[in-house]
N, C-alpha and C. Protein backbone atom coordinates (compact mmCIF):
# COMPACT_ATOMS: atom_id res chain seq x y z
N MET A 1 0.80 -1.29 -0.05
CA MET A 1 0.20 0.09 -0.32
C MET A 1 0.97 1.00 -0.28
N THR A 2 0.83 2.08 -0.96
CA THR A 2 1.45 3.45 -1.16
C THR A 2 0.69 4.38 -0.32
N ILE A 3 1.23 5.18 0.83
CA ILE A 3 0.75 6.10 1.48
C ILE A 3 0.66 7.04 1.24
N ASN A 4 -0.61 7.86 0.91
CA ASN A 4 -0.80 9.19 0.15
C ASN A 4 -1.46 10.08 1.02
N ALA A 5 -2.25 9.67 2.19
CA ALA A 5 -2.98 10.55 3.01
C ALA A 5 -3.00 10.03 4.49
N LYS A 6 -2.82 10.97 5.59
CA LYS A 6 -2.56 10.23 7.15
C LYS A 6 -3.10 11.48 7.67
N VAL A 7 -3.77 11.09 8.78
CA VAL A 7 -4.30 11.78 9.62
C VAL A 7 -4.30 11.17 10.76
N SER A 8 -4.04 11.77 12.13
CA SER A 8 -4.10 11.23 13.49
C SER A 8 -5.19 12.36 14.45
N VAL A 9 -6.25 11.58 14.93
CA VAL A 9 -6.89 12.37 15.87
C VAL A 9 -6.98 12.03 17.30
N ARG A 10 -7.07 12.58 18.20
CA ARG A 10 -6.79 12.62 19.67
C ARG A 10 -7.92 12.83 20.19
N ILE A 11 -8.45 11.82 21.19
CA ILE A 11 -9.69 11.79 21.61
C ILE A 11 -9.58 11.84 22.86
N LYS A 12 -10.02 12.75 23.87
CA LYS A 12 -9.74 12.68 25.08
C LYS A 12 -11.35 11.96 25.93
N PHE A 13 -10.79 10.81 26.44
CA PHE A 13 -12.21 10.17 27.57
C PHE A 13 -12.07 10.43 28.80
N SER A 14 -13.12 10.64 29.31
CA SER A 14 -13.48 10.91 30.91
C SER A 14 -12.88 9.94 31.78
N ASN A 15 -12.41 9.01 31.54
CA ASN A 15 -12.14 7.87 32.32
C ASN A 15 -11.56 6.71 31.83
N SER A 16 -10.51 5.90 32.67
CA SER A 16 -9.67 4.93 31.59
C SER A 16 -10.57 3.80 31.09
N LYS A 17 -11.89 3.63 32.04
CA LYS A 17 -12.85 2.28 31.95
C LYS A 17 -13.58 2.69 30.61
N GLN A 18 -13.81 4.04 30.41
CA GLN A 18 -14.42 4.45 28.94
C GLN A 18 -13.86 4.38 27.69
N LEU A 19 -12.19 4.23 28.17
CA LEU A 19 -11.44 4.14 26.85
C LEU A 19 -11.14 3.20 26.47
N ILE A 20 -10.81 2.12 27.73
CA ILE A 20 -10.75 0.68 27.47
C ILE A 20 -11.83 0.07 26.69
N THR A 21 -13.11 0.56 27.08
CA THR A 21 -14.03 -0.13 26.53
C THR A 21 -14.16 0.38 25.13
N ALA A 22 -13.95 1.61 25.15
CA ALA A 22 -14.05 2.05 23.17
C ALA A 22 -13.25 1.04 22.39
N VAL A 23 -11.91 1.10 23.06
CA VAL A 23 -10.48 0.19 22.23
C VAL A 23 -11.13 -1.27 21.91
N THR A 24 -11.53 -1.72 23.40
CA THR A 24 -11.94 -2.98 23.32
C THR A 24 -13.27 -3.20 22.49
N ALA A 25 -13.99 -2.52 22.15
CA ALA A 25 -14.94 -2.36 20.73
C ALA A 25 -14.28 -2.34 19.40
N LEU A 26 -13.26 -1.44 19.25
CA LEU A 26 -12.48 -1.25 18.07
C LEU A 26 -11.94 -2.31 17.64
N LYS A 27 -11.15 -3.05 18.35
CA LYS A 27 -10.04 -4.22 18.20
C LYS A 27 -10.29 -4.81 17.21
N PRO A 28 -11.63 -5.66 17.01
CA PRO A 28 -12.25 -6.64 15.67
C PRO A 28 -12.02 -5.94 14.92
N GLU A 29 -12.10 -4.14 14.03
CA GLU A 29 -12.06 -3.85 13.23
C GLU A 29 -10.46 -3.31 12.93
N VAL A 30 -10.05 -3.13 13.65
CA VAL A 30 -8.25 -2.76 13.66
C VAL A 30 -7.95 -4.05 12.92
N ASN A 31 -8.09 -5.24 13.70
CA ASN A 31 -7.57 -6.31 13.32
C ASN A 31 -7.97 -7.39 12.14
N SER A 32 -8.89 -7.13 12.03
CA SER A 32 -9.50 -7.44 10.28
C SER A 32 -10.43 -6.14 9.58
N PRO A 33 -9.18 -5.47 8.87
CA PRO A 33 -9.82 -4.31 8.17
C PRO A 33 -10.59 -4.67 7.08
N VAL A 34 -11.58 -4.10 6.60
CA VAL A 34 -12.75 -3.99 5.65
C VAL A 34 -11.91 -3.96 4.19
N THR A 35 -10.98 -2.97 4.24
CA THR A 35 -10.48 -2.69 2.90
C THR A 35 -8.66 -2.59 3.12
N HIS A 36 -8.26 -3.07 1.93
CA HIS A 36 -6.58 -2.80 2.00
C HIS A 36 -6.10 -1.34 1.68
N ARG A 37 -7.30 -0.53 1.60
CA ARG A 37 -6.98 0.50 0.99
C ARG A 37 -6.27 1.97 2.49
N SER A 38 -6.65 0.94 3.35
CA SER A 38 -6.45 2.14 4.55
C SER A 38 -5.98 1.32 5.69
N ASN A 39 -5.14 2.04 6.41
CA ASN A 39 -4.77 0.88 7.80
C ASN A 39 -4.98 1.91 8.90
N VAL A 40 -5.42 1.22 10.15
CA VAL A 40 -5.62 1.82 11.28
C VAL A 40 -4.77 1.32 12.46
N GLU A 41 -4.38 2.27 13.38
CA GLU A 41 -3.82 2.23 14.82
C GLU A 41 -4.40 3.08 15.67
N LEU A 42 -4.07 2.28 16.77
CA LEU A 42 -4.59 3.04 18.23
C LEU A 42 -3.66 2.74 18.93
N GLN A 43 -3.61 4.18 19.82
CA GLN A 43 -2.43 3.97 20.95
C GLN A 43 -3.37 5.07 22.10
N ILE A 44 -3.05 4.57 23.01
CA ILE A 44 -3.35 5.05 24.31
C ILE A 44 -2.40 5.69 25.23
N HIS A 45 -2.75 6.99 25.49
CA HIS A 45 -2.02 7.43 26.70
C HIS A 45 -2.73 8.38 27.42
N ASP A 46 -2.41 7.92 28.50
CA ASP A 46 -3.61 8.75 29.86
C ASP A 46 -5.11 8.12 29.48
N CYS A 47 -5.49 9.42 29.71
CA CYS A 47 -7.31 9.28 28.96
C CYS A 47 -7.44 9.73 27.87
N PHE A 48 -6.34 9.62 26.81
CA PHE A 48 -6.42 9.66 25.57
C PHE A 48 -6.34 8.50 24.62
N LEU A 49 -7.04 8.59 23.55
CA LEU A 49 -6.95 7.60 22.23
C LEU A 49 -6.52 7.93 21.32
N THR A 50 -5.57 7.88 20.49
CA THR A 50 -5.14 8.50 19.43
C THR A 50 -5.37 7.56 18.49
N LEU A 51 -6.54 7.78 17.13
CA LEU A 51 -6.67 7.00 16.12
C LEU A 51 -5.95 7.52 14.82
N THR A 52 -4.65 6.79 14.45
CA THR A 52 -3.88 7.22 13.09
C THR A 52 -4.43 6.32 12.24
N VAL A 53 -4.96 6.74 11.15
CA VAL A 53 -5.00 6.49 9.95
C VAL A 53 -4.10 6.49 8.60
N ASP A 54 -3.31 5.64 8.04
CA ASP A 54 -3.00 5.70 6.48
C ASP A 54 -3.69 5.06 5.60
N ALA A 55 -3.94 5.79 4.56
CA ALA A 55 -4.34 5.72 3.36
C ALA A 55 -4.03 5.98 2.20
N GLU A 56 -4.49 4.90 1.13
CA GLU A 56 -3.92 5.65 -0.10
C GLU A 56 -4.43 6.41 -0.87
N ASP A 57 -5.64 6.81 -0.32
CA ASP A 57 -6.18 8.36 -0.96
C ASP A 57 -7.17 9.13 -0.16
N THR A 58 -7.71 10.33 -0.56
CA THR A 58 -8.12 10.98 0.80
C THR A 58 -9.71 10.41 0.80
N THR A 59 -10.21 9.68 -0.43
CA THR A 59 -11.75 8.92 -0.17
C THR A 59 -11.69 7.74 0.87
N ALA A 60 -10.32 7.10 0.89
CA ALA A 60 -10.29 6.02 1.78
C ALA A 60 -9.86 6.39 3.04
N LEU A 61 -9.50 7.59 3.32
CA LEU A 61 -8.96 8.35 4.59
C LEU A 61 -10.03 8.70 5.24
N ARG A 62 -10.96 9.58 4.38
CA ARG A 62 -12.44 10.11 4.78
C ARG A 62 -13.27 9.06 5.26
N ALA A 63 -13.59 7.99 4.59
CA ALA A 63 -14.45 6.84 4.92
C ALA A 63 -14.11 6.24 6.03
N THR A 64 -12.35 5.81 6.43
CA THR A 64 -12.12 5.22 7.45
C THR A 64 -12.09 6.22 8.59
N VAL A 65 -11.77 7.18 8.84
CA VAL A 65 -12.09 8.10 9.81
C VAL A 65 -13.60 8.46 10.29
N ASN A 66 -14.26 8.68 9.22
CA ASN A 66 -15.67 8.94 9.51
C ASN A 66 -16.26 7.53 10.31
N ALA A 67 -15.61 6.52 9.71
CA ALA A 67 -16.59 4.77 10.51
C ALA A 67 -16.09 4.62 11.76
N TYR A 68 -14.59 5.25 12.11
CA TYR A 68 -14.26 4.95 13.21
C TYR A 68 -14.78 5.96 14.17
N LEU A 69 -14.72 7.33 13.89
CA LEU A 69 -15.36 8.32 14.78
C LEU A 69 -16.88 7.42 14.94
N ARG A 70 -17.64 7.22 14.34
CA ARG A 70 -18.96 7.11 14.48
C ARG A 70 -18.92 5.93 15.48
N TRP A 71 -17.98 4.72 15.26
CA TRP A 71 -18.34 3.70 16.16
C TRP A 71 -17.90 4.46 17.58
N ILE A 72 -16.41 4.89 17.78
CA ILE A 72 -16.37 5.67 18.78
C ILE A 72 -17.93 6.42 19.75
N ALA A 73 -18.12 7.17 18.69
CA ALA A 73 -19.22 7.84 19.60
C ALA A 73 -20.64 6.75 19.96
N SER A 74 -20.67 6.24 18.94
CA SER A 74 -21.86 4.75 19.33
C SER A 74 -21.51 4.23 20.95
N THR A 75 -20.04 3.98 20.49
CA THR A 75 -19.68 3.16 22.03
C THR A 75 -19.86 3.90 23.31
N MET A 76 -19.50 5.28 23.24
CA MET A 76 -19.69 6.12 24.27
C MET A 76 -21.30 6.46 24.46
N SER A 77 -21.96 6.57 23.82
CA SER A 77 -23.30 6.65 24.11
C SER A 77 -23.99 5.34 24.73
N VAL A 78 -23.63 4.25 24.51
CA VAL A 78 -24.05 2.95 25.28
C VAL A 78 -23.41 2.91 26.42
N VAL A 79 -21.90 3.06 26.53
CA VAL A 79 -21.30 3.60 27.71
C VAL A 79 -22.21 4.47 28.88
N GLU A 80 -22.46 5.71 28.36
CA GLU A 80 -23.19 6.51 29.26
C GLU A 80 -24.55 6.18 29.61
N ILE A 81 -25.10 5.35 28.85
CA ILE A 81 -26.81 4.96 29.38
C ILE A 81 -26.23 3.99 30.19
N ILE A 82 -25.64 3.37 30.12
CA ILE A 82 -25.56 1.72 30.87
C ILE A 82 -24.60 2.70 32.47
N GLU A 83 -23.72 3.87 32.29
CA GLU A 83 -23.33 4.21 33.69
C GLU A 83 -24.63 4.94 34.20
N CYS A 84 -25.77 5.56 33.52
CA CYS A 84 -26.39 6.21 34.18
C CYS A 84 -27.90 5.09 34.88
N MET A 85 -27.53 3.95 34.49
CA MET A 85 -28.69 2.73 35.15
C MET A 85 -28.38 2.41 36.73
């Protein structure tokens, strides 16, 4: 894969439990990517998650970043609902 586009997004979580939950939920996607046009790496530092996406083109980059941000947002919504119960 020739990398022509790259982005890193740093997301702060309220606590480490939420962070670990999000990373655990994303692991299957990272380990078995849907496309060969992009590669994703997750890094944890304190209460921050860094999502790094390398892609062959900007279309693949945008699609991958959007998918991961939606998955993170969905996971956090579920976690917040469960914590309120």
